[in-house]
Amino acid sequence: MEAKAEARMSEARAWAYVILGGLLEIVWASGFKYENVPGIVVLIALLTSFELIIKAAKVLSVGTVYAVFAGVGTLGTTIVEIVMSGGAVSMVRIVFILLLLACIIGLKLSGKGSET
């Protein structure tokens, strides 16, 4: 019965899972460095993020799902790192962050309709 529920998942919901999974990756990846994130939160975020991308990959292209998931996580953890370090950031780093964001958006847009 679970397979039928996943088969009926829309692409929009699958993309929401990818984005939510990426946001949870920010939580667990940041939790490895910062002690104020409780270990149980790190574990729950880690397991939930992978569950969400597994479900999304059943509807969308796995390569695109993983690239966007990892990109969102990388972008987010980089921003957390900048904020936690007091905002010290070089122009080169900002350019690469924006380039990564453009690539994530490009993957999302170019993948439309090719997930079958």
PDB file of N, CA and C in Angstrom:
ATOM      1  N   MET A   1       0.814  -1.192   0.000  1.00  0.00           N
ATOM      2  CA  MET A   1       0.000   0.000   0.000  1.00  0.00           C
ATOM      3  C   MET A   1       0.865   1.266   0.000  1.00  0.00           C
ATOM      4  N   GLU A   2       2.035   1.204   0.630  1.00  0.00           N
ATOM      5  CA  GLU A   2       2.934   2.342   0.656  1.00  0.00           C
ATOM      6  C   GLU A   2       3.438   2.668  -0.746  1.00  0.00           C
ATOM      7  N   ALA A   3       3.660   1.662  -1.579  1.00  0.00           N
ATOM      8  CA  ALA A   3       4.137   1.892  -2.939  1.00  0.00           C
ATOM      9  C   ALA A   3       3.126   2.706  -3.735  1.00  0.00           C
ATOM     10  N   LYS A   4       1.832   2.451  -3.530  1.00  0.00           N
ATOM     11  CA  LYS A   4       0.802   3.218  -4.225  1.00  0.00           C
ATOM     12  C   LYS A   4       0.825   4.675  -3.790  1.00  0.00           C
ATOM     13  N   ALA A   5       1.038   4.933  -2.515  1.00  0.00           N
ATOM     14  CA  ALA A   5       1.085   6.312  -2.017  1.00  0.00           C
ATOM     15  C   ALA A   5       2.266   7.055  -2.633  1.00  0.00           C
ATOM     16  N   GLU A   6       3.419   6.400  -2.748  1.00  0.00           N
ATOM     17  CA  GLU A   6       4.588   7.034  -3.337  1.00  0.00           C
ATOM     18  C   GLU A   6       4.414   7.230  -4.839  1.00  0.00           C
ATOM     19  N   ALA A   7       3.731   6.292  -5.507  1.00  0.00           N
ATOM     20  CA  ALA A   7       3.517   6.402  -6.940  1.00  0.00           C
ATOM     21  C   ALA A   7       2.625   7.601  -7.259  1.00  0.00           C
ATOM     22  N   ARG A   8       1.755   7.964  -6.321  1.00  0.00           N
ATOM     23  CA  ARG A   8       0.838   9.078  -6.538  1.00  0.00           C
ATOM     24  C   ARG A   8       1.438  10.420  -6.114  1.00  0.00           C
ATOM     25  N   MET A   9       2.642  10.416  -5.564  1.00  0.00           N
ATOM     26  CA  MET A   9       3.253  11.664  -5.127  1.00  0.00           C
ATOM     27  C   MET A   9       3.515  12.553  -6.338  1.00  0.00           C
ATOM     28  N   SER A  10       3.130  13.795  -6.214  1.00  0.00           N
ATOM     29  CA  SER A  10       3.346  14.733  -7.313  1.00  0.00           C
ATOM     30  C   SER A  10       4.803  15.176  -7.352  1.00  0.00           C
ATOM     31  N   GLU A  11       5.206  15.708  -8.499  1.00  0.00           N
ATOM     32  CA  GLU A  11       6.559  16.242  -8.623  1.00  0.00           C
ATOM     33  C   GLU A  11       6.756  17.410  -7.670  1.00  0.00           C
ATOM     34  N   ALA A  12       5.724  18.212  -7.482  1.00  0.00           N
ATOM     35  CA  ALA A  12       5.827  19.361  -6.573  1.00  0.00           C
ATOM     36  C   ALA A  12       6.108  18.895  -5.145  1.00  0.00           C
ATOM     37  N   ARG A  13       5.433  17.847  -4.716  1.00  0.00           N
ATOM     38  CA  ARG A  13       5.672  17.317  -3.372  1.00  0.00           C
ATOM     39  C   ARG A  13       7.072  16.721  -3.278  1.00  0.00           C
ATOM     40  N   ALA A  14       7.499  16.032  -4.331  1.00  0.00           N
ATOM     41  CA  ALA A  14       8.849  15.456  -4.342  1.00  0.00           C
ATOM     42  C   ALA A  14       9.893  16.561  -4.226  1.00  0.00           C
ATOM     43  N   TRP A  15       9.698  17.679  -4.943  1.00  0.00           N
ATOM     44  CA  TRP A  15      10.630  18.800  -4.841  1.00  0.00           C
ATOM     45  C   TRP A  15      10.600  19.410  -3.444  1.00  0.00           C
ATOM     46  N   ALA A  16       9.424  19.462  -2.836  1.00  0.00           N
ATOM     47  CA  ALA A  16       9.327  19.962  -1.457  1.00  0.00           C
ATOM     48  C   ALA A  16      10.129  19.062  -0.524  1.00  0.00           C
ATOM     49  N   TYR A  17      10.080  17.751  -0.750  1.00  0.00           N
ATOM     50  CA  TYR A  17      10.866  16.808   0.053  1.00  0.00           C
ATOM     51  C   TYR A  17      12.370  17.049  -0.127  1.00  0.00           C
ATOM     52  N   VAL A  18      12.778  17.317  -1.358  1.00  0.00           N
ATOM     53  CA  VAL A  18      14.202  17.567  -1.620  1.00  0.00           C
ATOM     54  C   VAL A  18      14.657  18.819  -0.875  1.00  0.00           C
ATOM     55  N   ILE A  19      13.884  19.880  -0.965  1.00  0.00           N
ATOM     56  CA  ILE A  19      14.248  21.140  -0.300  1.00  0.00           C
ATOM     57  C   ILE A  19      14.239  20.959   1.218  1.00  0.00           C
ATOM     58  N   LEU A  20      13.205  20.312   1.747  1.00  0.00           N
ATOM     59  CA  LEU A  20      13.146  20.071   3.194  1.00  0.00           C
ATOM     60  C   LEU A  20      14.300  19.183   3.642  1.00  0.00           C
ATOM     61  N   GLY A  21      14.614  18.169   2.851  1.00  0.00           N
ATOM     62  CA  GLY A  21      15.759  17.308   3.161  1.00  0.00           C
ATOM     63  C   GLY A  21      17.060  18.092   3.175  1.00  0.00           C
ATOM     64  N   GLY A  22      17.219  19.017   2.230  1.00  0.00           N
ATOM     65  CA  GLY A  22      18.407  19.874   2.189  1.00  0.00           C
ATOM     66  C   GLY A  22      18.489  20.782   3.404  1.00  0.00           C
ATOM     67  N   LEU A  23      17.346  21.308   3.826  1.00  0.00           N
ATOM     68  CA  LEU A  23      17.327  22.153   5.026  1.00  0.00           C
ATOM     69  C   LEU A  23      17.693  21.346   6.271  1.00  0.00           C
ATOM     70  N   LEU A  24      17.203  20.118   6.331  1.00  0.00           N
ATOM     71  CA  LEU A  24      17.567  19.255   7.457  1.00  0.00           C
ATOM     72  C   LEU A  24      19.046  18.880   7.416  1.00  0.00           C
ATOM     73  N   GLU A  25      19.609  18.811   6.213  1.00  0.00           N
ATOM     74  CA  GLU A  25      21.046  18.542   6.106  1.00  0.00           C
ATOM     75  C   GLU A  25      21.846  19.675   6.741  1.00  0.00           C
ATOM     76  N   ILE A  26      21.365  20.892   6.602  1.00  0.00           N
ATOM     77  CA  ILE A  26      22.027  22.031   7.245  1.00  0.00           C
ATOM     78  C   ILE A  26      22.061  21.824   8.757  1.00  0.00           C
ATOM     79  N   VAL A  27      20.955  21.344   9.301  1.00  0.00           N
ATOM     80  CA  VAL A  27      20.868  21.117  10.749  1.00  0.00           C
ATOM     81  C   VAL A  27      21.875  20.064  11.187  1.00  0.00           C
ATOM     82  N   TRP A  28      21.863  18.895  10.522  1.00  0.00           N
ATOM     83  CA  TRP A  28      22.753  17.828  11.013  1.00  0.00           C
ATOM     84  C   TRP A  28      24.221  18.111  10.707  1.00  0.00           C
ATOM     85  N   ALA A  29      24.497  18.733   9.567  1.00  0.00           N
ATOM     86  CA  ALA A  29      25.900  19.044   9.261  1.00  0.00           C
ATOM     87  C   ALA A  29      26.446  20.104  10.220  1.00  0.00           C
ATOM     88  N   SER A  30      25.639  21.094  10.531  1.00  0.00           N
ATOM     89  CA  SER A  30      26.057  22.114  11.488  1.00  0.00           C
ATOM     90  C   SER A  30      26.189  21.527  12.884  1.00  0.00           C
ATOM     91  N   GLY A  31      25.360  20.549  13.180  1.00  0.00           N
ATOM     92  CA  GLY A  31      25.413  19.892  14.486  1.00  0.00           C
ATOM     93  C   GLY A  31      26.711  19.149  14.729  1.00  0.00           C
ATOM     94  N   PHE A  32      27.408  18.764  13.665  1.00  0.00           N
ATOM     95  CA  PHE A  32      28.710  18.112  13.832  1.00  0.00           C
ATOM     96  C   PHE A  32      29.747  19.081  14.385  1.00  0.00           C
ATOM     97  N   LYS A  33      29.577  20.374  14.107  1.00  0.00           N
ATOM     98  CA  LYS A  33      30.568  21.359  14.526  1.00  0.00           C
ATOM     99  C   LYS A  33      30.164  22.104  15.797  1.00  0.00           C
ATOM    100  N   TYR A  34      28.898  22.438  15.902  1.00  0.00           N
ATOM    101  CA  TYR A  34      28.451  23.289  16.998  1.00  0.00           C
ATOM    102  C   TYR A  34      27.808  22.460  18.102  1.00  0.00           C
ATOM    103  N   GLU A  35      28.357  22.590  19.295  1.00  0.00           N
ATOM    104  CA  GLU A  35      27.927  21.788  20.445  1.00  0.00           C
ATOM    105  C   GLU A  35      26.517  22.114  20.916  1.00  0.00           C
ATOM    106  N   ASN A  36      26.023  23.308  20.599  1.00  0.00           N
ATOM    107  CA  ASN A  36      24.700  23.689  21.086  1.00  0.00           C
ATOM    108  C   ASN A  36      23.557  23.000  20.322  1.00  0.00           C
ATOM    109  N   VAL A  37      23.878  22.218  19.306  1.00  0.00           N
ATOM    110  CA  VAL A  37      22.858  21.408  18.625  1.00  0.00           C
ATOM    111  C   VAL A  37      22.894  20.021  19.272  1.00  0.00           C
ATOM    112  N   PRO A  38      21.805  19.646  19.987  1.00  0.00           N
ATOM    113  CA  PRO A  38      21.806  18.354  20.687  1.00  0.00           C
ATOM    114  C   PRO A  38      21.985  17.168  19.734  1.00  0.00           C
ATOM    115  N   GLY A  39      22.672  16.153  20.202  1.00  0.00           N
ATOM    116  CA  GLY A  39      22.938  14.965  19.397  1.00  0.00           C
ATOM    117  C   GLY A  39      21.682  14.300  18.868  1.00  0.00           C
ATOM    118  N   ILE A  40      20.619  14.278  19.664  1.00  0.00           N
ATOM    119  CA  ILE A  40      19.372  13.644  19.209  1.00  0.00           C
ATOM    120  C   ILE A  40      18.762  14.428  18.048  1.00  0.00           C
ATOM    121  N   VAL A  41      18.913  15.749  18.063  1.00  0.00           N
ATOM    122  CA  VAL A  41      18.414  16.579  16.957  1.00  0.00           C
ATOM    123  C   VAL A  41      19.209  16.282  15.692  1.00  0.00           C
ATOM    124  N   VAL A  42      20.520  16.144  15.839  1.00  0.00           N
ATOM    125  CA  VAL A  42      21.380  15.808  14.703  1.00  0.00           C
ATOM    126  C   VAL A  42      20.953  14.470  14.105  1.00  0.00           C
ATOM    127  N   LEU A  43      20.758  13.477  14.959  1.00  0.00           N
ATOM    128  CA  LEU A  43      20.375  12.143  14.490  1.00  0.00           C
ATOM    129  C   LEU A  43      19.012  12.148  13.794  1.00  0.00           C
ATOM    130  N   ILE A  44      18.038  12.803  14.391  1.00  0.00           N
ATOM    131  CA  ILE A  44      16.699  12.856  13.790  1.00  0.00           C
ATOM    132  C   ILE A  44      16.746  13.605  12.456  1.00  0.00           C
ATOM    133  N   ALA A  45      17.468  14.723  12.412  1.00  0.00           N
ATOM    134  CA  ALA A  45      17.577  15.489  11.159  1.00  0.00           C
ATOM    135  C   ALA A  45      18.261  14.660  10.079  1.00  0.00           C
ATOM    136  N   LEU A  46      19.306  13.934  10.447  1.00  0.00           N
ATOM    137  CA  LEU A  46      20.039  13.103   9.489  1.00  0.00           C
ATOM    138  C   LEU A  46      19.143  12.014   8.905  1.00  0.00           C
ATOM    139  N   LEU A  47      18.481  11.273   9.763  1.00  0.00           N
ATOM    140  CA  LEU A  47      17.624  10.176   9.295  1.00  0.00           C
ATOM    141  C   LEU A  47      16.436  10.691   8.485  1.00  0.00           C
ATOM    142  N   THR A  48      15.832  11.776   8.940  1.00  0.00           N
ATOM    143  CA  THR A  48      14.678  12.327   8.229  1.00  0.00           C
ATOM    144  C   THR A  48      15.082  12.878   6.868  1.00  0.00           C
ATOM    145  N   SER A  49      16.241  13.547   6.794  1.00  0.00           N
ATOM    146  CA  SER A  49      16.670  14.109   5.515  1.00  0.00           C
ATOM    147  C   SER A  49      16.884  13.012   4.479  1.00  0.00           C
ATOM    148  N   PHE A  50      17.499  11.909   4.893  1.00  0.00           N
ATOM    149  CA  PHE A  50      17.720  10.822   3.934  1.00  0.00           C
ATOM    150  C   PHE A  50      16.420  10.118   3.561  1.00  0.00           C
ATOM    151  N   GLU A  51      15.504  10.012   4.493  1.00  0.00           N
ATOM    152  CA  GLU A  51      14.197   9.420   4.175  1.00  0.00           C
ATOM    153  C   GLU A  51      13.473  10.270   3.125  1.00  0.00           C
ATOM    154  N   LEU A  52      13.552  11.580   3.283  1.00  0.00           N
ATOM    155  CA  LEU A  52      12.885  12.471   2.326  1.00  0.00           C
ATOM    156  C   LEU A  52      13.501  12.389   0.930  1.00  0.00           C
ATOM    157  N   ILE A  53      14.832  12.336   0.838  1.00  0.00           N
ATOM    158  CA  ILE A  53      15.414  12.261  -0.513  1.00  0.00           C
ATOM    159  C   ILE A  53      15.205  10.889  -1.142  1.00  0.00           C
ATOM    160  N   ILE A  54      15.114   9.852  -0.312  1.00  0.00           N
ATOM    161  CA  ILE A  54      14.805   8.522  -0.858  1.00  0.00           C
ATOM    162  C   ILE A  54      13.412   8.533  -1.479  1.00  0.00           C
ATOM    163  N   LYS A  55      12.451   9.129  -0.777  1.00  0.00           N
ATOM    164  CA  LYS A  55      11.085   9.214  -1.314  1.00  0.00           C
ATOM    165  C   LYS A  55      11.047  10.074  -2.578  1.00  0.00           C
ATOM    166  N   ALA A  56      11.760  11.193  -2.563  1.00  0.00           N
ATOM    167  CA  ALA A  56      11.765  12.084  -3.731  1.00  0.00           C
ATOM    168  C   ALA A  56      12.405  11.410  -4.937  1.00  0.00           C
ATOM    169  N   ALA A  57      13.438  10.606  -4.699  1.00  0.00           N
ATOM    170  CA  ALA A  57      14.151   9.940  -5.802  1.00  0.00           C
ATOM    171  C   ALA A  57      13.294   8.887  -6.490  1.00  0.00           C
ATOM    172  N   LYS A  58      12.202   8.487  -5.861  1.00  0.00           N
ATOM    173  CA  LYS A  58      11.289   7.537  -6.503  1.00  0.00           C
ATOM    174  C   LYS A  58      10.402   8.223  -7.534  1.00  0.00           C
ATOM    175  N   VAL A  59      10.359   9.556  -7.481  1.00  0.00           N
ATOM    176  CA  VAL A  59       9.537  10.318  -8.422  1.00  0.00           C
ATOM    177  C   VAL A  59      10.410  11.110  -9.399  1.00  0.00           C
ATOM    178  N   LEU A  60      11.513  11.672  -8.889  1.00  0.00           N
ATOM    179  CA  LEU A  60      12.398  12.519  -9.684  1.00  0.00           C
ATOM    180  C   LEU A  60      13.688  11.773 -10.016  1.00  0.00           C
ATOM    181  N   SER A  61      14.472  12.341 -10.901  1.00  0.00           N
ATOM    182  CA  SER A  61      15.768  11.771 -11.260  1.00  0.00           C
ATOM    183  C   SER A  61      16.689  11.769 -10.040  1.00  0.00           C
ATOM    184  N   VAL A  62      17.268  10.617  -9.729  1.00  0.00           N
ATOM    185  CA  VAL A  62      18.093  10.495  -8.533  1.00  0.00           C
ATOM    186  C   VAL A  62      19.319  11.410  -8.588  1.00  0.00           C
ATOM    187  N   GLY A  63      19.911  11.580  -9.743  1.00  0.00           N
ATOM    188  CA  GLY A  63      21.072  12.454  -9.862  1.00  0.00           C
ATOM    189  C   GLY A  63      20.725  13.901  -9.560  1.00  0.00           C
ATOM    190  N   THR A  64      19.612  14.353 -10.089  1.00  0.00           N
ATOM    191  CA  THR A  64      19.165  15.717  -9.830  1.00  0.00           C
ATOM    192  C   THR A  64      18.765  15.886  -8.376  1.00  0.00           C
ATOM    193  N   VAL A  65      18.061  14.905  -7.829  1.00  0.00           N
ATOM    194  CA  VAL A  65      17.647  14.956  -6.423  1.00  0.00           C
ATOM    195  C   VAL A  65      18.864  15.092  -5.524  1.00  0.00           C
ATOM    196  N   TYR A  66      19.858  14.252  -5.744  1.00  0.00           N
ATOM    197  CA  TYR A  66      21.031  14.290  -4.876  1.00  0.00           C
ATOM    198  C   TYR A  66      21.817  15.582  -5.057  1.00  0.00           C
ATOM    199  N   ALA A  67      21.958  16.051  -6.281  1.00  0.00           N
ATOM    200  CA  ALA A  67      22.708  17.285  -6.529  1.00  0.00           C
ATOM    201  C   ALA A  67      22.035  18.484  -5.865  1.00  0.00           C
ATOM    202  N   VAL A  68      20.725  18.578  -5.972  1.00  0.00           N
ATOM    203  CA  VAL A  68      20.007  19.698  -5.358  1.00  0.00           C
ATOM    204  C   VAL A  68      20.048  19.572  -3.842  1.00  0.00           C
ATOM    205  N   PHE A  69      19.834  18.363  -3.319  1.00  0.00           N
ATOM    206  CA  PHE A  69      19.904  18.111  -1.870  1.00  0.00           C
ATOM    207  C   PHE A  69      21.263  18.529  -1.314  1.00  0.00           C
ATOM    208  N   ALA A  70      22.331  18.071  -1.952  1.00  0.00           N
ATOM    209  CA  ALA A  70      23.680  18.391  -1.492  1.00  0.00           C
ATOM    210  C   ALA A  70      23.983  19.876  -1.679  1.00  0.00           C
ATOM    211  N   GLY A  71      23.490  20.456  -2.761  1.00  0.00           N
ATOM    212  CA  GLY A  71      23.709  21.879  -3.001  1.00  0.00           C
ATOM    213  C   GLY A  71      23.026  22.754  -1.968  1.00  0.00           C
ATOM    214  N   VAL A  72      21.780  22.435  -1.653  1.00  0.00           N
ATOM    215  CA  VAL A  72      21.054  23.183  -0.620  1.00  0.00           C
ATOM    216  C   VAL A  72      21.776  23.049   0.714  1.00  0.00           C
ATOM    217  N   GLY A  73      22.199  21.842   1.043  1.00  0.00           N
ATOM    218  CA  GLY A  73      22.926  21.621   2.292  1.00  0.00           C
ATOM    219  C   GLY A  73      24.246  22.366   2.330  1.00  0.00           C
ATOM    220  N   THR A  74      24.976  22.334   1.232  1.00  0.00           N
ATOM    221  CA  THR A  74      26.258  23.037   1.156  1.00  0.00           C
ATOM    222  C   THR A  74      26.060  24.545   1.258  1.00  0.00           C
ATOM    223  N   LEU A  75      25.116  25.057   0.520  1.00  0.00           N
ATOM    224  CA  LEU A  75      24.814  26.485   0.560  1.00  0.00           C
ATOM    225  C   LEU A  75      24.410  26.905   1.969  1.00  0.00           C
ATOM    226  N   GLY A  76      23.526  26.141   2.574  1.00  0.00           N
ATOM    227  CA  GLY A  76      23.045  26.469   3.914  1.00  0.00           C
ATOM    228  C   GLY A  76      24.110  26.390   4.986  1.00  0.00           C
ATOM    229  N   THR A  77      24.918  25.327   4.945  1.00  0.00           N
ATOM    230  CA  THR A  77      25.966  25.202   5.968  1.00  0.00           C
ATOM    231  C   THR A  77      27.035  26.276   5.787  1.00  0.00           C
ATOM    232  N   THR A  78      27.276  26.688   4.557  1.00  0.00           N
ATOM    233  CA  THR A  78      28.218  27.783   4.312  1.00  0.00           C
ATOM    234  C   THR A  78      27.680  29.085   4.901  1.00  0.00           C
ATOM    235  N   ILE A  79      26.406  29.333   4.717  1.00  0.00           N
ATOM    236  CA  ILE A  79      25.785  30.538   5.282  1.00  0.00           C
ATOM    237  C   ILE A  79      25.804  30.485   6.810  1.00  0.00           C
ATOM    238  N   VAL A  80      25.498  29.323   7.393  1.00  0.00           N
ATOM    239  CA  VAL A  80      25.566  29.170   8.851  1.00  0.00           C
ATOM    240  C   VAL A  80      26.982  29.454   9.333  1.00  0.00           C
ATOM    241  N   GLU A  81      27.964  28.925   8.639  1.00  0.00           N
ATOM    242  CA  GLU A  81      29.366  29.137   9.008  1.00  0.00           C
ATOM    243  C   GLU A  81      29.732  30.621   8.954  1.00  0.00           C
ATOM    244  N   ILE A  82      29.259  31.322   7.929  1.00  0.00           N
ATOM    245  CA  ILE A  82      29.527  32.764   7.807  1.00  0.00           C
ATOM    246  C   ILE A  82      28.888  33.519   8.973  1.00  0.00           C
ATOM    247  N   VAL A  83      27.653  33.198   9.276  1.00  0.00           N
ATOM    248  CA  VAL A  83      26.945  33.867  10.378  1.00  0.00           C
ATOM    249  C   VAL A  83      27.616  33.577  11.716  1.00  0.00           C
ATOM    250  N   MET A  84      27.988  32.320  11.948  1.00  0.00           N
ATOM    251  CA  MET A  84      28.589  31.938  13.229  1.00  0.00           C
ATOM    252  C   MET A  84      30.002  32.493  13.392  1.00  0.00           C
ATOM    253  N   SER A  85      30.664  32.811  12.277  1.00  0.00           N
ATOM    254  CA  SER A  85      32.020  33.357  12.371  1.00  0.00           C
ATOM    255  C   SER A  85      32.015  34.882  12.444  1.00  0.00           C
ATOM    256  N   GLY A  86      30.858  35.462  12.602  1.00  0.00           N
ATOM    257  CA  GLY A  86      30.770  36.915  12.744  1.00  0.00           C
ATOM    258  C   GLY A  86      30.616  37.664  11.441  1.00  0.00           C
ATOM    259  N   GLY A  87      30.272  36.968  10.381  1.00  0.00           N
ATOM    260  CA  GLY A  87      30.007  37.624   9.110  1.00  0.00           C
ATOM    261  C   GLY A  87      31.215  37.883   8.234  1.00  0.00           C
ATOM    262  N   ALA A  88      32.372  37.360   8.607  1.00  0.00           N
ATOM    263  CA  ALA A  88      33.570  37.558   7.792  1.00  0.00           C
ATOM    264  C   ALA A  88      33.471  36.695   6.532  1.00  0.00           C
ATOM    265  N   VAL A  89      33.409  37.373   5.382  1.00  0.00           N
ATOM    266  CA  VAL A  89      33.290  36.632   4.124  1.00  0.00           C
ATOM    267  C   VAL A  89      33.952  37.452   3.010  1.00  0.00           C
ATOM    268  N   SER A  90      34.648  36.756   2.128  1.00  0.00           N
ATOM    269  CA  SER A  90      35.317  37.443   1.013  1.00  0.00           C
ATOM    270  C   SER A  90      34.373  37.524  -0.184  1.00  0.00           C
ATOM    271  N   MET A  91      34.693  38.422  -1.066  1.00  0.00           N
ATOM    272  CA  MET A  91      33.901  38.585  -2.288  1.00  0.00           C
ATOM    273  C   MET A  91      33.969  37.317  -3.140  1.00  0.00           C
ATOM    274  N   VAL A  92      35.104  36.651  -3.159  1.00  0.00           N
ATOM    275  CA  VAL A  92      35.260  35.415  -3.925  1.00  0.00           C
ATOM    276  C   VAL A  92      34.300  34.351  -3.394  1.00  0.00           C
ATOM    277  N   ARG A  93      34.199  34.248  -2.080  1.00  0.00           N
ATOM    278  CA  ARG A  93      33.287  33.268  -1.485  1.00  0.00           C
ATOM    279  C   ARG A  93      31.837  33.572  -1.842  1.00  0.00           C
ATOM    280  N   ILE A  94      31.465  34.836  -1.834  1.00  0.00           N
ATOM    281  CA  ILE A  94      30.109  35.233  -2.210  1.00  0.00           C
ATOM    282  C   ILE A  94      29.832  34.859  -3.662  1.00  0.00           C
ATOM    283  N   VAL A  95      30.795  35.089  -4.545  1.00  0.00           N
ATOM    284  CA  VAL A  95      30.631  34.739  -5.968  1.00  0.00           C
ATOM    285  C   VAL A  95      30.384  33.237  -6.107  1.00  0.00           C
ATOM    286  N   PHE A  96      31.157  32.427  -5.396  1.00  0.00           N
ATOM    287  CA  PHE A  96      30.973  30.976  -5.508  1.00  0.00           C
ATOM    288  C   PHE A  96      29.669  30.508  -4.880  1.00  0.00           C
ATOM    289  N   ILE A  97      29.223  31.143  -3.819  1.00  0.00           N
ATOM    290  CA  ILE A  97      27.927  30.818  -3.226  1.00  0.00           C
ATOM    291  C   ILE A  97      26.812  31.116  -4.225  1.00  0.00           C
ATOM    292  N   LEU A  98      26.888  32.267  -4.878  1.00  0.00           N
ATOM    293  CA  LEU A  98      25.885  32.626  -5.880  1.00  0.00           C
ATOM    294  C   LEU A  98      25.939  31.692  -7.090  1.00  0.00           C
ATOM    295  N   LEU A  99      27.141  31.281  -7.476  1.00  0.00           N
ATOM    296  CA  LEU A  99      27.294  30.325  -8.574  1.00  0.00           C
ATOM    297  C   LEU A  99      26.661  28.978  -8.216  1.00  0.00           C
ATOM    298  N   LEU A 100      26.886  28.533  -6.993  1.00  0.00           N
ATOM    299  CA  LEU A 100      26.266  27.286  -6.533  1.00  0.00           C
ATOM    300  C   LEU A 100      24.743  27.404  -6.548  1.00  0.00           C
ATOM    301  N   LEU A 101      24.224  28.519  -6.074  1.00  0.00           N
ATOM    302  CA  LEU A 101      22.782  28.745  -6.087  1.00  0.00           C
ATOM    303  C   LEU A 101      22.236  28.716  -7.515  1.00  0.00           C
ATOM    304  N   ALA A 102      22.950  29.350  -8.445  1.00  0.00           N
ATOM    305  CA  ALA A 102      22.527  29.342  -9.848  1.00  0.00           C
ATOM    306  C   ALA A 102      22.518  27.925 -10.416  1.00  0.00           C
ATOM    307  N   CYS A 103      23.509  27.120 -10.043  1.00  0.00           N
ATOM    308  CA  CYS A 103      23.566  25.727 -10.520  1.00  0.00           C
ATOM    309  C   CYS A 103      22.408  24.905  -9.960  1.00  0.00           C
ATOM    310  N   ILE A 104      22.073  25.109  -8.699  1.00  0.00           N
ATOM    311  CA  ILE A 104      20.943  24.391  -8.096  1.00  0.00           C
ATOM    312  C   ILE A 104      19.655  24.743  -8.830  1.00  0.00           C
ATOM    313  N   ILE A 105      19.438  26.027  -9.064  1.00  0.00           N
ATOM    314  CA  ILE A 105      18.233  26.462  -9.779  1.00  0.00           C
ATOM    315  C   ILE A 105      18.242  25.907 -11.203  1.00  0.00           C
ATOM    316  N   GLY A 106      19.393  25.937 -11.856  1.00  0.00           N
ATOM    317  CA  GLY A 106      19.503  25.394 -13.212  1.00  0.00           C
ATOM    318  C   GLY A 106      19.184  23.912 -13.279  1.00  0.00           C
ATOM    319  N   LEU A 107      19.662  23.136 -12.310  1.00  0.00           N
ATOM    320  CA  LEU A 107      19.346  21.707 -12.271  1.00  0.00           C
ATOM    321  C   LEU A 107      17.851  21.485 -12.098  1.00  0.00           C
ATOM    322  N   LYS A 108      17.255  22.258 -11.223  1.00  0.00           N
ATOM    323  CA  LYS A 108      15.817  22.125 -10.974  1.00  0.00           C
ATOM    324  C   LYS A 108      15.043  22.442 -12.244  1.00  0.00           C
ATOM    325  N   LEU A 109      15.392  23.536 -12.904  1.00  0.00           N
ATOM    326  CA  LEU A 109      14.671  23.947 -14.112  1.00  0.00           C
ATOM    327  C   LEU A 109      14.923  23.024 -15.295  1.00  0.00           C
ATOM    328  N   SER A 110      16.136  22.548 -15.445  1.00  0.00           N
ATOM    329  CA  SER A 110      16.455  21.693 -16.604  1.00  0.00           C
ATOM    330  C   SER A 110      15.942  20.279 -16.436  1.00  0.00           C
ATOM    331  N   GLY A 111      15.615  19.879 -15.238  1.00  0.00           N
ATOM    332  CA  GLY A 111      15.142  18.520 -14.993  1.00  0.00           C
ATOM    333  C   GLY A 111      13.653  18.356 -15.190  1.00  0.00           C
ATOM    334  N   LYS A 112      12.925  19.429 -15.366  1.00  0.00           N
ATOM    335  CA  LYS A 112      11.459  19.361 -15.490  1.00  0.00           C
ATOM    336  C   LYS A 112      11.056  18.516 -16.682  1.00  0.00           C
ATOM    337  N   GLY A 113      10.250  17.521 -16.403  1.00  0.00           N
ATOM    338  CA  GLY A 113       9.714  16.681 -17.468  1.00  0.00           C
ATOM    339  C   GLY A 113      10.603  15.519 -17.857  1.00  0.00           C
ATOM    340  N   SER A 114      11.829  15.461 -17.349  1.00  0.00           N
ATOM    341  CA  SER A 114      12.723  14.371 -17.733  1.00  0.00           C
ATOM    342  C   SER A 114      12.739  13.236 -16.712  1.00  0.00           C
ATOM    343  N   GLU A 115      11.975  13.389 -15.633  1.00  0.00           N
ATOM    344  CA  GLU A 115      11.929  12.344 -14.610  1.00  0.00           C
ATOM    345  C   GLU A 115      10.846  11.333 -14.939  1.00  0.00           C
ATOM    346  N   THR A 116      11.219  10.267 -15.586  1.00  0.00           N
ATOM    347  CA  THR A 116      10.242   9.218 -15.883  1.00  0.00           C
ATOM    348  C   THR A 116      10.800   7.875 -15.532  1.00  0.00           C
TER     349      THR A 116
END
